[in-house]
Amino acid sequence: MGFSTDAIHAGQKPEETTGSVTIPIFQTSTYVQQGIGEHKGYE
């Protein structure tokens, strides 16, 4: 690891199940619809 990586992650304990040291990013979106199956073209 380089210095910048150590500076960000130093002192963080990995999550036991996955070993993750940061919160994951979830790229999701939800769109409002007028009714069931009435899409506005974004889906």
N, C-alpha and C. Protein backbone atom coordinates (compact mmCIF):
# COMPACT_ATOMS: atom_id res chain seq x y z
N MET A 1 0.83 -1.19 0.00
CA MET A 1 0.00 0.00 0.00
C MET A 1 0.87 1.24 0.00
N GLY A 2 0.41 2.24 -0.72
CA GLY A 2 1.09 3.52 -0.72
C GLY A 2 0.66 4.37 0.47
N PHE A 3 1.34 5.50 0.66
CA PHE A 3 1.02 6.37 1.80
C PHE A 3 -0.42 6.84 1.78
N SER A 4 -0.94 7.25 0.60
CA SER A 4 -2.31 7.77 0.55
C SER A 4 -3.33 6.70 0.92
N THR A 5 -3.09 5.45 0.53
CA THR A 5 -3.99 4.36 0.91
C THR A 5 -3.93 4.13 2.41
N ASP A 6 -2.74 4.12 2.99
CA ASP A 6 -2.60 3.96 4.44
C ASP A 6 -3.32 5.09 5.18
N ALA A 7 -3.20 6.31 4.68
CA ALA A 7 -3.81 7.46 5.35
C ALA A 7 -5.33 7.34 5.39
N ILE A 8 -5.92 6.77 4.36
CA ILE A 8 -7.38 6.62 4.31
C ILE A 8 -7.85 5.44 5.15
N HIS A 9 -7.16 4.30 5.06
CA HIS A 9 -7.64 3.06 5.66
C HIS A 9 -6.97 2.68 6.98
N ALA A 10 -6.00 3.44 7.44
CA ALA A 10 -5.31 3.09 8.68
C ALA A 10 -6.29 3.11 9.86
N GLY A 11 -6.22 2.09 10.70
CA GLY A 11 -7.06 2.02 11.88
C GLY A 11 -8.43 1.43 11.65
N GLN A 12 -8.77 1.13 10.41
CA GLN A 12 -10.07 0.54 10.10
C GLN A 12 -9.98 -0.98 10.20
N LYS A 13 -10.91 -1.58 10.91
CA LYS A 13 -10.95 -3.04 11.00
C LYS A 13 -11.86 -3.57 9.90
N PRO A 14 -11.40 -4.56 9.13
CA PRO A 14 -12.24 -5.13 8.07
C PRO A 14 -13.50 -5.76 8.65
N GLU A 15 -14.60 -5.67 7.92
CA GLU A 15 -15.85 -6.29 8.30
C GLU A 15 -15.64 -7.80 8.29
N GLU A 16 -16.14 -8.50 9.31
CA GLU A 16 -15.82 -9.91 9.51
C GLU A 16 -16.25 -10.83 8.37
N THR A 17 -17.44 -10.63 7.82
CA THR A 17 -17.97 -11.54 6.81
C THR A 17 -17.29 -11.38 5.46
N THR A 18 -17.15 -10.13 4.98
CA THR A 18 -16.65 -9.89 3.62
C THR A 18 -15.22 -9.36 3.56
N GLY A 19 -14.72 -8.82 4.66
CA GLY A 19 -13.39 -8.22 4.67
C GLY A 19 -13.38 -6.78 4.19
N SER A 20 -14.56 -6.22 3.93
CA SER A 20 -14.67 -4.86 3.43
C SER A 20 -14.23 -3.85 4.49
N VAL A 21 -13.51 -2.79 4.06
CA VAL A 21 -13.10 -1.73 4.98
C VAL A 21 -13.85 -0.43 4.70
N THR A 22 -14.68 -0.39 3.67
CA THR A 22 -15.48 0.79 3.37
C THR A 22 -16.91 0.37 3.04
N ILE A 23 -17.82 1.34 3.08
CA ILE A 23 -19.21 1.08 2.73
C ILE A 23 -19.31 0.98 1.21
N PRO A 24 -20.00 -0.05 0.68
CA PRO A 24 -20.12 -0.18 -0.77
C PRO A 24 -21.03 0.90 -1.37
N ILE A 25 -20.81 1.21 -2.64
CA ILE A 25 -21.64 2.16 -3.37
C ILE A 25 -22.66 1.37 -4.19
N PHE A 26 -23.93 1.69 -4.03
CA PHE A 26 -25.00 1.04 -4.79
C PHE A 26 -25.56 2.06 -5.77
N GLN A 27 -25.41 1.81 -7.08
CA GLN A 27 -25.93 2.73 -8.09
C GLN A 27 -27.31 2.25 -8.52
N THR A 28 -28.34 2.83 -7.92
CA THR A 28 -29.72 2.46 -8.23
C THR A 28 -30.57 3.70 -8.40
N SER A 29 -31.69 3.55 -9.06
CA SER A 29 -32.64 4.65 -9.25
C SER A 29 -34.05 4.12 -9.14
N THR A 30 -34.95 4.96 -8.68
CA THR A 30 -36.37 4.64 -8.62
C THR A 30 -37.13 5.78 -9.27
N TYR A 31 -38.06 5.45 -10.15
CA TYR A 31 -38.84 6.46 -10.85
C TYR A 31 -40.31 6.36 -10.45
N VAL A 32 -40.98 7.50 -10.36
CA VAL A 32 -42.41 7.54 -10.05
C VAL A 32 -43.19 7.20 -11.31
N GLN A 33 -44.22 6.39 -11.17
CA GLN A 33 -45.09 6.04 -12.29
C GLN A 33 -46.51 6.48 -11.96
N GLN A 34 -47.27 6.84 -12.99
CA GLN A 34 -48.67 7.23 -12.79
C GLN A 34 -49.52 6.04 -12.38
N GLY A 35 -49.15 4.85 -12.85
CA GLY A 35 -49.88 3.64 -12.51
C GLY A 35 -49.03 2.43 -12.84
N ILE A 36 -49.54 1.25 -12.51
CA ILE A 36 -48.81 0.02 -12.77
C ILE A 36 -48.61 -0.15 -14.27
N GLY A 37 -47.34 -0.30 -14.68
CA GLY A 37 -47.01 -0.51 -16.09
C GLY A 37 -47.03 0.73 -16.95
N GLU A 38 -47.27 1.91 -16.39
CA GLU A 38 -47.28 3.16 -17.15
C GLU A 38 -45.92 3.82 -17.02
N HIS A 39 -45.02 3.49 -17.94
CA HIS A 39 -43.64 3.99 -17.89
C HIS A 39 -43.53 5.33 -18.61
N LYS A 40 -42.57 6.14 -18.20
CA LYS A 40 -42.35 7.45 -18.81
C LYS A 40 -41.15 7.44 -19.76
N GLY A 41 -40.58 6.28 -20.03
CA GLY A 41 -39.48 6.20 -20.98
C GLY A 41 -38.10 6.12 -20.36
N TYR A 42 -37.99 6.12 -19.05
CA TYR A 42 -36.69 6.05 -18.39
C TYR A 42 -36.31 4.63 -17.97
N GLU A 43 -37.27 3.72 -17.97
CA GLU A 43 -37.03 2.38 -17.46
C GLU A 43 -36.35 1.51 -18.49
